[in-house]
All heavy atoms as atom14 arrays in JSON, in Angstrom:
{
  "sequence": "PGGSLKLSCAASGFTMEYFAVGWFRQAPGKEREGVSCISNSGDTTNY",
  "atom14_mask": [
    [1, 1, 1, 1, 1, 1, 1, 0, 0, 0, 0, 0, 0, 0],
    [1, 1, 1, 1, 0, 0, 0, 0, 0, 0, 0, 0, 0, 0],
    [1, 1, 1, 1, 0, 0, 0, 0, 0, 0, 0, 0, 0, 0],
    [1, 1, 1, 1, 1, 1, 0, 0, 0, 0, 0, 0, 0, 0],
    [1, 1, 1, 1, 1, 1, 1, 1, 0, 0, 0, 0, 0, 0],
    [1, 1, 1, 1, 1, 1, 1, 1, 1, 0, 0, 0, 0, 0],
    [1, 1, 1, 1, 1, 1, 1, 1, 0, 0, 0, 0, 0, 0],
    [1, 1, 1, 1, 1, 1, 0, 0, 0, 0, 0, 0, 0, 0],
    [1, 1, 1, 1, 1, 1, 0, 0, 0, 0, 0, 0, 0, 0],
    [1, 1, 1, 1, 1, 0, 0, 0, 0, 0, 0, 0, 0, 0],
    [1, 1, 1, 1, 1, 0, 0, 0, 0, 0, 0, 0, 0, 0],
    [1, 1, 1, 1, 1, 1, 0, 0, 0, 0, 0, 0, 0, 0],
    [1, 1, 1, 1, 0, 0, 0, 0, 0, 0, 0, 0, 0, 0],
    [1, 1, 1, 1, 1, 1, 1, 1, 1, 1, 1, 0, 0, 0],
    [1, 1, 1, 1, 1, 1, 1, 0, 0, 0, 0, 0, 0, 0],
    [1, 1, 1, 1, 1, 1, 1, 1, 0, 0, 0, 0, 0, 0],
    [1, 1, 1, 1, 1, 1, 1, 1, 1, 0, 0, 0, 0, 0],
    [1, 1, 1, 1, 1, 1, 1, 1, 1, 1, 1, 1, 0, 0],
    [1, 1, 1, 1, 1, 1, 1, 1, 1, 1, 1, 0, 0, 0],
    [1, 1, 1, 1, 1, 0, 0, 0, 0, 0, 0, 0, 0, 0],
    [1, 1, 1, 1, 1, 1, 1, 0, 0, 0, 0, 0, 0, 0],
    [1, 1, 1, 1, 0, 0, 0, 0, 0, 0, 0, 0, 0, 0],
    [1, 1, 1, 1, 1, 1, 1, 1, 1, 1, 1, 1, 1, 1],
    [1, 1, 1, 1, 1, 1, 1, 1, 1, 1, 1, 0, 0, 0],
    [1, 1, 1, 1, 1, 1, 1, 1, 1, 1, 1, 0, 0, 0],
    [1, 1, 1, 1, 1, 1, 1, 1, 1, 0, 0, 0, 0, 0],
    [1, 1, 1, 1, 1, 0, 0, 0, 0, 0, 0, 0, 0, 0],
    [1, 1, 1, 1, 1, 1, 1, 0, 0, 0, 0, 0, 0, 0],
    [1, 1, 1, 1, 0, 0, 0, 0, 0, 0, 0, 0, 0, 0],
    [1, 1, 1, 1, 1, 1, 1, 1, 1, 0, 0, 0, 0, 0],
    [1, 1, 1, 1, 1, 1, 1, 1, 1, 0, 0, 0, 0, 0],
    [1, 1, 1, 1, 1, 1, 1, 1, 1, 1, 1, 0, 0, 0],
    [1, 1, 1, 1, 1, 1, 1, 1, 1, 0, 0, 0, 0, 0],
    [1, 1, 1, 1, 0, 0, 0, 0, 0, 0, 0, 0, 0, 0],
    [1, 1, 1, 1, 1, 1, 1, 0, 0, 0, 0, 0, 0, 0],
    [1, 1, 1, 1, 1, 1, 0, 0, 0, 0, 0, 0, 0, 0],
    [1, 1, 1, 1, 1, 1, 0, 0, 0, 0, 0, 0, 0, 0],
    [1, 1, 1, 1, 1, 1, 1, 1, 0, 0, 0, 0, 0, 0],
    [1, 1, 1, 1, 1, 1, 0, 0, 0, 0, 0, 0, 0, 0],
    [1, 1, 1, 1, 1, 1, 1, 1, 0, 0, 0, 0, 0, 0],
    [1, 1, 1, 1, 1, 1, 0, 0, 0, 0, 0, 0, 0, 0],
    [1, 1, 1, 1, 0, 0, 0, 0, 0, 0, 0, 0, 0, 0],
    [1, 1, 1, 1, 1, 1, 1, 1, 0, 0, 0, 0, 0, 0],
    [1, 1, 1, 1, 1, 1, 1, 0, 0, 0, 0, 0, 0, 0],
    [1, 1, 1, 1, 1, 1, 1, 0, 0, 0, 0, 0, 0, 0],
    [1, 1, 1, 1, 1, 1, 1, 1, 0, 0, 0, 0, 0, 0],
    [1, 1, 1, 1, 1, 1, 1, 1, 1, 1, 1, 1, 0, 0]
  ],
  "atom14_positions": [
    [[-16.4, -16.54, -13.5], [-17.21, -15.75, -12.56], [-17.25, -16.4, -11.18], [-17.4, -17.62, -11.07], [-18.59, -15.73, -13.21], [-18.31, -15.9, -14.66], [-17.13, -16.81, -14.75], [0.0, 0.0, 0.0], [0.0, 0.0, 0.0], [0.0, 0.0, 0.0], [0.0, 0.0, 0.0], [0.0, 0.0, 0.0], [0.0, 0.0, 0.0], [0.0, 0.0, 0.0]],
    [[-17.11, -15.56, -10.18], [-17.07, -16.07, -8.82], [-15.68, -16.42, -8.33], [-15.48, -16.67, -7.14], [0.0, 0.0, 0.0], [0.0, 0.0, 0.0], [0.0, 0.0, 0.0], [0.0, 0.0, 0.0], [0.0, 0.0, 0.0], [0.0, 0.0, 0.0], [0.0, 0.0, 0.0], [0.0, 0.0, 0.0], [0.0, 0.0, 0.0], [0.0, 0.0, 0.0]],
    [[-14.72, -16.41, -9.23], [-13.35, -16.75, -8.87], [-12.59, -15.58, -8.29], [-13.14, -14.49, -8.09], [0.0, 0.0, 0.0], [0.0, 0.0, 0.0], [0.0, 0.0, 0.0], [0.0, 0.0, 0.0], [0.0, 0.0, 0.0], [0.0, 0.0, 0.0], [0.0, 0.0, 0.0], [0.0, 0.0, 0.0], [0.0, 0.0, 0.0], [0.0, 0.0, 0.0]],
    [[-11.3, -15.81, -8.03], [-10.45, -14.81, -7.39], [-9.14, -14.64, -8.13], [-8.65, -15.57, -8.78], [-10.15, -15.22, -5.93], [-11.32, -15.31, -5.16], [0.0, 0.0, 0.0], [0.0, 0.0, 0.0], [0.0, 0.0, 0.0], [0.0, 0.0, 0.0], [0.0, 0.0, 0.0], [0.0, 0.0, 0.0], [0.0, 0.0, 0.0], [0.0, 0.0, 0.0]],
    [[-8.59, -13.46, -8.0], [-7.25, -13.16, -8.49], [-6.6, -12.2, -7.51], [-7.29, -11.41, -6.85], [-7.28, -12.49, -9.87], [-7.5, -13.35, -11.11], [-7.63, -12.45, -12.34], [-6.39, -14.37, -11.29], [0.0, 0.0, 0.0], [0.0, 0.0, 0.0], [0.0, 0.0, 0.0], [0.0, 0.0, 0.0], [0.0, 0.0, 0.0], [0.0, 0.0, 0.0]],
    [[-5.28, -12.23, -7.45], [-4.55, -11.28, -6.63], [-3.53, -10.57, -7.52], [-2.61, -11.19, -8.06], [-3.83, -11.97, -5.47], [-3.19, -11.0, -4.49], [-2.64, -11.72, -3.27], [-2.11, -10.76, -2.22], [-1.62, -11.46, -1.01], [0.0, 0.0, 0.0], [0.0, 0.0, 0.0], [0.0, 0.0, 0.0], [0.0, 0.0, 0.0], [0.0, 0.0, 0.0]],
    [[-3.73, -9.28, -7.67], [-2.82, -8.47, -8.47], [-1.72, -7.89, -7.58], [-1.95, -7.59, -6.41], [-3.57, -7.32, -9.14], [-4.78, -7.69, -10.0], [-5.35, -6.42, -10.65], [-4.44, -8.72, -11.03], [0.0, 0.0, 0.0], [0.0, 0.0, 0.0], [0.0, 0.0, 0.0], [0.0, 0.0, 0.0], [0.0, 0.0, 0.0], [0.0, 0.0, 0.0]],
    [[-0.55, -7.74, -8.18], [0.58, -7.13, -7.48], [1.09, -5.95, -8.27], [1.02, -5.93, -9.5], [1.71, -8.15, -7.3], [1.3, -9.26, -6.53], [0.0, 0.0, 0.0], [0.0, 0.0, 0.0], [0.0, 0.0, 0.0], [0.0, 0.0, 0.0], [0.0, 0.0, 0.0], [0.0, 0.0, 0.0], [0.0, 0.0, 0.0], [0.0, 0.0, 0.0]],
    [[1.61, -4.99, -7.55], [2.15, -3.78, -8.15], [3.47, -3.49, -7.46], [3.48, -3.15, -6.28], [1.16, -2.65, -7.96], [1.76, -1.04, -8.47], [0.0, 0.0, 0.0], [0.0, 0.0, 0.0], [0.0, 0.0, 0.0], [0.0, 0.0, 0.0], [0.0, 0.0, 0.0], [0.0, 0.0, 0.0], [0.0, 0.0, 0.0], [0.0, 0.0, 0.0]],
    [[4.57, -3.66, -8.18], [5.89, -3.5, -7.59], [6.52, -2.2, -8.07], [6.54, -1.92, -9.28], [6.78, -4.68, -7.96], [0.0, 0.0, 0.0], [0.0, 0.0, 0.0], [0.0, 0.0, 0.0], [0.0, 0.0, 0.0], [0.0, 0.0, 0.0], [0.0, 0.0, 0.0], [0.0, 0.0, 0.0], [0.0, 0.0, 0.0], [0.0, 0.0, 0.0]],
    [[7.05, -1.43, -7.14], [7.7, -0.17, -7.48], [9.16, -0.39, -7.78], [9.83, -1.23, -7.17], [7.57, 0.82, -6.32], [0.0, 0.0, 0.0], [0.0, 0.0, 0.0], [0.0, 0.0, 0.0], [0.0, 0.0, 0.0], [0.0, 0.0, 0.0], [0.0, 0.0, 0.0], [0.0, 0.0, 0.0], [0.0, 0.0, 0.0], [0.0, 0.0, 0.0]],
    [[9.64, 0.38, -8.73], [11.04, 0.3, -9.11], [11.57, 1.69, -9.37], [10.93, 2.47, -10.07], [11.2, -0.56, -10.37], [12.54, -0.57, -10.81], [0.0, 0.0, 0.0], [0.0, 0.0, 0.0], [0.0, 0.0, 0.0], [0.0, 0.0, 0.0], [0.0, 0.0, 0.0], [0.0, 0.0, 0.0], [0.0, 0.0, 0.0], [0.0, 0.0, 0.0]],
    [[12.71, 2.02, -8.77], [13.31, 3.32, -9.03], [12.9, 4.41, -8.07], [13.38, 5.54, -8.2], [0.0, 0.0, 0.0], [0.0, 0.0, 0.0], [0.0, 0.0, 0.0], [0.0, 0.0, 0.0], [0.0, 0.0, 0.0], [0.0, 0.0, 0.0], [0.0, 0.0, 0.0], [0.0, 0.0, 0.0], [0.0, 0.0, 0.0], [0.0, 0.0, 0.0]],
    [[12.01, 4.12, -7.14], [11.65, 5.11, -6.14], [11.09, 4.38, -4.92], [10.66, 3.25, -5.0], [10.63, 6.12, -6.68], [9.24, 5.57, -6.87], [8.23, 5.87, -5.97], [8.94, 4.78, -7.96], [6.95, 5.38, -6.15], [7.66, 4.28, -8.16], [6.66, 4.58, -7.25], [0.0, 0.0, 0.0], [0.0, 0.0, 0.0], [0.0, 0.0, 0.0]],
    [[11.12, 5.08, -3.8], [10.58, 4.5, -2.59], [9.14, 4.94, -2.41], [8.78, 6.08, -2.65], [11.42, 4.91, -1.36], [10.83, 4.34, -0.19], [11.46, 6.42, -1.2], [0.0, 0.0, 0.0], [0.0, 0.0, 0.0], [0.0, 0.0, 0.0], [0.0, 0.0, 0.0], [0.0, 0.0, 0.0], [0.0, 0.0, 0.0], [0.0, 0.0, 0.0]],
    [[8.31, 4.01, -1.99], [6.88, 4.27, -1.87], [6.5, 4.9, -0.55], [5.31, 5.12, -0.29], [6.12, 2.96, -2.06], [6.22, 2.41, -3.47], [5.55, 0.72, -3.61], [3.89, 0.96, -3.0], [0.0, 0.0, 0.0], [0.0, 0.0, 0.0], [0.0, 0.0, 0.0], [0.0, 0.0, 0.0], [0.0, 0.0, 0.0], [0.0, 0.0, 0.0]],
    [[7.47, 5.23, 0.29], [7.19, 5.64, 1.66], [6.19, 6.79, 1.75], [5.34, 6.8, 2.63], [8.5, 6.04, 2.35], [8.33, 6.47, 3.79], [9.66, 6.82, 4.44], [10.69, 6.77, 3.75], [9.66, 7.16, 5.64], [0.0, 0.0, 0.0], [0.0, 0.0, 0.0], [0.0, 0.0, 0.0], [0.0, 0.0, 0.0], [0.0, 0.0, 0.0]],
    [[6.28, 7.78, 0.86], [5.4, 8.96, 0.95], [4.33, 8.96, -0.12], [3.67, 9.97, -0.35], [6.24, 10.23, 0.85], [7.24, 10.36, 1.97], [8.61, 10.24, 1.72], [6.82, 10.6, 3.27], [9.53, 10.36, 2.75], [7.74, 10.72, 4.3], [9.08, 10.6, 4.03], [10.0, 10.71, 5.05], [0.0, 0.0, 0.0], [0.0, 0.0, 0.0]],
    [[4.12, 7.81, -0.75], [3.18, 7.75, -1.87], [1.95, 6.91, -1.53], [2.06, 5.79, -1.04], [3.86, 7.14, -3.1], [4.83, 8.06, -3.77], [6.12, 8.2, -3.3], [4.44, 8.79, -4.88], [7.02, 9.06, -3.91], [5.33, 9.65, -5.51], [6.62, 9.78, -5.02], [0.0, 0.0, 0.0], [0.0, 0.0, 0.0], [0.0, 0.0, 0.0]],
    [[0.8, 7.49, -1.81], [-0.41, 6.69, -1.87], [-0.4, 5.93, -3.19], [0.19, 6.38, -4.18], [-1.64, 7.57, -1.79], [0.0, 0.0, 0.0], [0.0, 0.0, 0.0], [0.0, 0.0, 0.0], [0.0, 0.0, 0.0], [0.0, 0.0, 0.0], [0.0, 0.0, 0.0], [0.0, 0.0, 0.0], [0.0, 0.0, 0.0], [0.0, 0.0, 0.0]],
    [[-1.05, 4.79, -3.21], [-1.11, 3.98, -4.43], [-2.57, 3.65, -4.74], [-3.34, 3.31, -3.85], [-0.31, 2.68, -4.28], [-0.45, 1.81, -5.52], [1.17, 3.01, -4.04], [0.0, 0.0, 0.0], [0.0, 0.0, 0.0], [0.0, 0.0, 0.0], [0.0, 0.0, 0.0], [0.0, 0.0, 0.0], [0.0, 0.0, 0.0], [0.0, 0.0, 0.0]],
    [[-2.9, 3.8, -6.0], [-4.25, 3.49, -6.43], [-4.26, 2.4, -7.48], [-3.29, 2.23, -8.23], [0.0, 0.0, 0.0], [0.0, 0.0, 0.0], [0.0, 0.0, 0.0], [0.0, 0.0, 0.0], [0.0, 0.0, 0.0], [0.0, 0.0, 0.0], [0.0, 0.0, 0.0], [0.0, 0.0, 0.0], [0.0, 0.0, 0.0], [0.0, 0.0, 0.0]],
    [[-5.36, 1.66, -7.51], [-5.62, 0.71, -8.6], [-6.76, 1.29, -9.44], [-7.77, 1.75, -8.9], [-6.02, -0.65, -8.06], [-4.88, -1.49, -7.61], [-4.45, -1.68, -6.33], [-4.03, -2.3, -8.42], [-3.37, -2.53, -6.3], [-3.1, -2.93, -7.58], [-3.96, -2.56, -9.8], [-2.1, -3.8, -8.05], [-2.98, -3.42, -10.27], [-2.06, -4.03, -9.4]],
    [[-6.58, 1.22, -10.74], [-7.56, 1.73, -11.68], [-7.78, 0.67, -12.75], [-6.98, -0.25, -12.9], [-7.06, 3.04, -12.31], [-6.7, 4.07, -11.27], [-5.42, 4.13, -10.75], [-7.65, 4.95, -10.81], [-5.08, 5.06, -9.79], [-7.33, 5.89, -9.84], [-6.05, 5.93, -9.32], [0.0, 0.0, 0.0], [0.0, 0.0, 0.0], [0.0, 0.0, 0.0]],
    [[-8.87, 0.81, -13.49], [-9.12, -0.14, -14.57], [-9.78, 0.55, -15.74], [-10.43, 1.59, -15.58], [-9.98, -1.3, -14.07], [-11.41, -0.91, -13.68], [-12.11, -2.1, -13.05], [-13.49, -1.79, -12.69], [-14.28, -2.62, -12.01], [-13.83, -3.8, -11.61], [-15.52, -2.25, -11.74], [0.0, 0.0, 0.0], [0.0, 0.0, 0.0], [0.0, 0.0, 0.0]],
    [[-9.58, -0.04, -16.91], [-10.18, 0.5, -18.11], [-10.64, -0.65, -18.98], [-9.83, -1.48, -19.41], [-9.2, 1.4, -18.88], [-9.83, 2.13, -20.02], [-8.98, 3.27, -20.53], [-7.78, 3.34, -20.27], [-9.6, 4.2, -21.25], [0.0, 0.0, 0.0], [0.0, 0.0, 0.0], [0.0, 0.0, 0.0], [0.0, 0.0, 0.0], [0.0, 0.0, 0.0]],
    [[-11.94, -0.68, -19.22], [-12.53, -1.68, -20.09], [-12.6, -1.12, -21.51], [-12.6, 0.1, -21.7], [-13.92, -2.04, -19.59], [0.0, 0.0, 0.0], [0.0, 0.0, 0.0], [0.0, 0.0, 0.0], [0.0, 0.0, 0.0], [0.0, 0.0, 0.0], [0.0, 0.0, 0.0], [0.0, 0.0, 0.0], [0.0, 0.0, 0.0], [0.0, 0.0, 0.0]],
    [[-12.67, -1.98, -22.51], [-12.74, -1.51, -23.9], [-13.9, -0.55, -24.11], [-15.04, -0.83, -23.72], [-12.93, -2.8, -24.7], [-12.34, -3.86, -23.84], [-12.63, -3.44, -22.43], [0.0, 0.0, 0.0], [0.0, 0.0, 0.0], [0.0, 0.0, 0.0], [0.0, 0.0, 0.0], [0.0, 0.0, 0.0], [0.0, 0.0, 0.0], [0.0, 0.0, 0.0]],
    [[-13.61, 0.59, -24.7], [-14.64, 1.57, -25.0], [-15.12, 2.39, -23.82], [-16.06, 3.18, -23.96], [0.0, 0.0, 0.0], [0.0, 0.0, 0.0], [0.0, 0.0, 0.0], [0.0, 0.0, 0.0], [0.0, 0.0, 0.0], [0.0, 0.0, 0.0], [0.0, 0.0, 0.0], [0.0, 0.0, 0.0], [0.0, 0.0, 0.0], [0.0, 0.0, 0.0]],
    [[-14.5, 2.21, -22.68], [-14.91, 2.95, -21.49], [-13.75, 3.79, -20.95], [-12.59, 3.54, -21.24], [-15.4, 1.98, -20.41], [-16.66, 1.22, -20.79], [-17.16, 0.4, -19.62], [-18.45, -0.32, -19.97], [-18.97, -1.12, -18.82], [0.0, 0.0, 0.0], [0.0, 0.0, 0.0], [0.0, 0.0, 0.0], [0.0, 0.0, 0.0], [0.0, 0.0, 0.0]],
    [[-14.11, 4.77, -20.14], [-13.09, 5.6, -19.51], [-12.43, 4.86, -18.36], [-13.01, 3.94, -17.77], [-13.72, 6.9, -19.01], [-14.21, 7.82, -20.1], [-14.66, 9.15, -19.57], [-14.7, 9.33, -18.34], [-14.97, 10.04, -20.38], [0.0, 0.0, 0.0], [0.0, 0.0, 0.0], [0.0, 0.0, 0.0], [0.0, 0.0, 0.0], [0.0, 0.0, 0.0]],
    [[-11.23, 5.3, -18.05], [-10.52, 4.72, -16.9], [-11.27, 5.1, -15.62], [-11.7, 6.23, -15.45], [-9.09, 5.24, -16.85], [-8.23, 4.58, -15.79], [-6.78, 4.98, -15.97], [-6.23, 4.46, -17.23], [-4.97, 4.61, -17.6], [-4.11, 5.24, -16.79], [-4.55, 4.13, -18.74], [0.0, 0.0, 0.0], [0.0, 0.0, 0.0], [0.0, 0.0, 0.0]],
    [[-11.43, 4.13, -14.74], [-12.13, 4.39, -13.5], [-11.31, 3.91, -12.3], [-10.49, 3.0, -12.41], [-13.49, 3.68, -13.48], [-13.42, 2.16, -13.53], [-14.78, 1.5, -13.38], [-15.76, 2.2, -13.07], [-14.86, 0.27, -13.56], [0.0, 0.0, 0.0], [0.0, 0.0, 0.0], [0.0, 0.0, 0.0], [0.0, 0.0, 0.0], [0.0, 0.0, 0.0]],
    [[-11.55, 4.55, -11.19], [-10.85, 4.17, -9.98], [-11.46, 2.93, -9.36], [-12.68, 2.74, -9.41], [0.0, 0.0, 0.0], [0.0, 0.0, 0.0], [0.0, 0.0, 0.0], [0.0, 0.0, 0.0], [0.0, 0.0, 0.0], [0.0, 0.0, 0.0], [0.0, 0.0, 0.0], [0.0, 0.0, 0.0], [0.0, 0.0, 0.0], [0.0, 0.0, 0.0]],
    [[-10.62, 2.08, -8.79], [-11.05, 0.86, -8.14], [-10.82, 0.95, -6.63], [-11.73, 0.74, -5.85], [-10.3, -0.36, -8.71], [-10.65, -1.63, -7.94], [-10.6, -0.52, -10.19], [0.0, 0.0, 0.0], [0.0, 0.0, 0.0], [0.0, 0.0, 0.0], [0.0, 0.0, 0.0], [0.0, 0.0, 0.0], [0.0, 0.0, 0.0], [0.0, 0.0, 0.0]],
    [[-9.6, 1.29, -6.26], [-9.26, 1.34, -4.85], [-7.98, 2.12, -4.68], [-7.21, 2.31, -5.62], [-9.06, -0.1, -4.31], [-8.75, -0.08, -2.93], [0.0, 0.0, 0.0], [0.0, 0.0, 0.0], [0.0, 0.0, 0.0], [0.0, 0.0, 0.0], [0.0, 0.0, 0.0], [0.0, 0.0, 0.0], [0.0, 0.0, 0.0], [0.0, 0.0, 0.0]],
    [[-7.75, 2.6, -3.45], [-6.49, 3.26, -3.15], [-6.11, 2.99, -1.7], [-6.96, 2.62, -0.88], [-6.56, 4.76, -3.42], [-7.62, 5.66, -2.28], [0.0, 0.0, 0.0], [0.0, 0.0, 0.0], [0.0, 0.0, 0.0], [0.0, 0.0, 0.0], [0.0, 0.0, 0.0], [0.0, 0.0, 0.0], [0.0, 0.0, 0.0], [0.0, 0.0, 0.0]],
    [[-4.82, 3.19, -1.42], [-4.32, 2.97, -0.07], [-3.32, 4.06, 0.24], [-2.51, 4.45, -0.61], [-3.7, 1.55, 0.07], [-3.35, 1.25, 1.51], [-2.49, 1.38, -0.86], [-3.05, -0.24, 1.75], [0.0, 0.0, 0.0], [0.0, 0.0, 0.0], [0.0, 0.0, 0.0], [0.0, 0.0, 0.0], [0.0, 0.0, 0.0], [0.0, 0.0, 0.0]],
    [[-3.38, 4.58, 1.45], [-2.5, 5.67, 1.85], [-1.07, 5.18, 2.01], [-0.8, 3.98, 2.0], [-2.98, 6.28, 3.16], [-2.91, 5.32, 4.21], [0.0, 0.0, 0.0], [0.0, 0.0, 0.0], [0.0, 0.0, 0.0], [0.0, 0.0, 0.0], [0.0, 0.0, 0.0], [0.0, 0.0, 0.0], [0.0, 0.0, 0.0], [0.0, 0.0, 0.0]],
    [[-0.16, 6.13, 2.18], [1.26, 5.76, 2.28], [1.54, 4.83, 3.45], [2.38, 3.92, 3.34], [2.12, 7.01, 2.37], [1.84, 7.84, 3.62], [0.71, 7.97, 4.04], [2.88, 8.4, 4.19], [0.0, 0.0, 0.0], [0.0, 0.0, 0.0], [0.0, 0.0, 0.0], [0.0, 0.0, 0.0], [0.0, 0.0, 0.0], [0.0, 0.0, 0.0]],
    [[0.82, 5.0, 4.54], [1.03, 4.15, 5.72], [0.24, 2.85, 5.65], [0.53, 1.9, 6.38], [0.65, 4.9, 6.99], [-0.75, 5.14, 6.99], [0.0, 0.0, 0.0], [0.0, 0.0, 0.0], [0.0, 0.0, 0.0], [0.0, 0.0, 0.0], [0.0, 0.0, 0.0], [0.0, 0.0, 0.0], [0.0, 0.0, 0.0], [0.0, 0.0, 0.0]],
    [[-0.77, 2.84, 4.8], [-1.66, 1.69, 4.74], [-2.85, 1.79, 5.66], [-3.71, 0.92, 5.67], [0.0, 0.0, 0.0], [0.0, 0.0, 0.0], [0.0, 0.0, 0.0], [0.0, 0.0, 0.0], [0.0, 0.0, 0.0], [0.0, 0.0, 0.0], [0.0, 0.0, 0.0], [0.0, 0.0, 0.0], [0.0, 0.0, 0.0], [0.0, 0.0, 0.0]],
    [[-2.92, 2.88, 6.43], [-4.0, 3.01, 7.41], [-5.33, 3.4, 6.79], [-6.39, 3.17, 7.37], [-3.62, 4.06, 8.47], [-2.49, 3.6, 9.37], [-2.26, 2.37, 9.45], [-1.83, 4.46, 9.98], [0.0, 0.0, 0.0], [0.0, 0.0, 0.0], [0.0, 0.0, 0.0], [0.0, 0.0, 0.0], [0.0, 0.0, 0.0], [0.0, 0.0, 0.0]],
    [[-5.29, 4.05, 5.64], [-6.5, 4.5, 4.97], [-6.66, 3.79, 3.64], [-5.71, 3.72, 2.86], [-6.46, 6.02, 4.74], [-6.39, 6.69, 6.0], [-7.7, 6.48, 3.98], [0.0, 0.0, 0.0], [0.0, 0.0, 0.0], [0.0, 0.0, 0.0], [0.0, 0.0, 0.0], [0.0, 0.0, 0.0], [0.0, 0.0, 0.0], [0.0, 0.0, 0.0]],
    [[-7.85, 3.26, 3.41], [-8.17, 2.65, 2.12], [-9.52, 3.17, 1.66], [-10.4, 3.49, 2.48], [-8.23, 1.12, 2.22], [-9.19, 0.74, 3.2], [-6.87, 0.54, 2.59], [0.0, 0.0, 0.0], [0.0, 0.0, 0.0], [0.0, 0.0, 0.0], [0.0, 0.0, 0.0], [0.0, 0.0, 0.0], [0.0, 0.0, 0.0], [0.0, 0.0, 0.0]],
    [[-9.68, 3.25, 0.36], [-10.95, 3.66, -0.23], [-11.26, 2.72, -1.39], [-10.35, 2.23, -2.06], [-10.88, 5.1, -0.73], [-10.78, 6.09, 0.41], [-11.61, 6.09, 1.32], [-9.78, 6.95, 0.38], [0.0, 0.0, 0.0], [0.0, 0.0, 0.0], [0.0, 0.0, 0.0], [0.0, 0.0, 0.0], [0.0, 0.0, 0.0], [0.0, 0.0, 0.0]],
    [[-12.56, 2.53, -1.64], [-12.99, 1.62, -2.7], [-14.12, 2.24, -3.5], [-14.96, 2.97, -2.97], [-13.49, 0.3, -2.1], [-12.43, -0.49, -1.36], [-12.22, -0.31, 0.0], [-11.63, -1.41, -2.03], [-11.25, -1.01, 0.68], [-10.65, -2.14, -1.36], [-10.46, -1.93, -0.01], [-9.49, -2.64, 0.66], [0.0, 0.0, 0.0], [0.0, 0.0, 0.0]]
  ]
}
C-alpha cells in the first residue's frame, strides 16, 4: 500500500492512430469497471 506500478499496453497487428485506449479492471466477484481512457491523439483523458 502506498507504492507505485506502471502498466504498459502494447498494440500488435494494428495501428493505434485512430483508436482511443482504455484501462479497465476486474476484481474477484466484481464486474469489470473502467479506470481511465485516452483519446487517439492523447489530448483527452478521463478517469
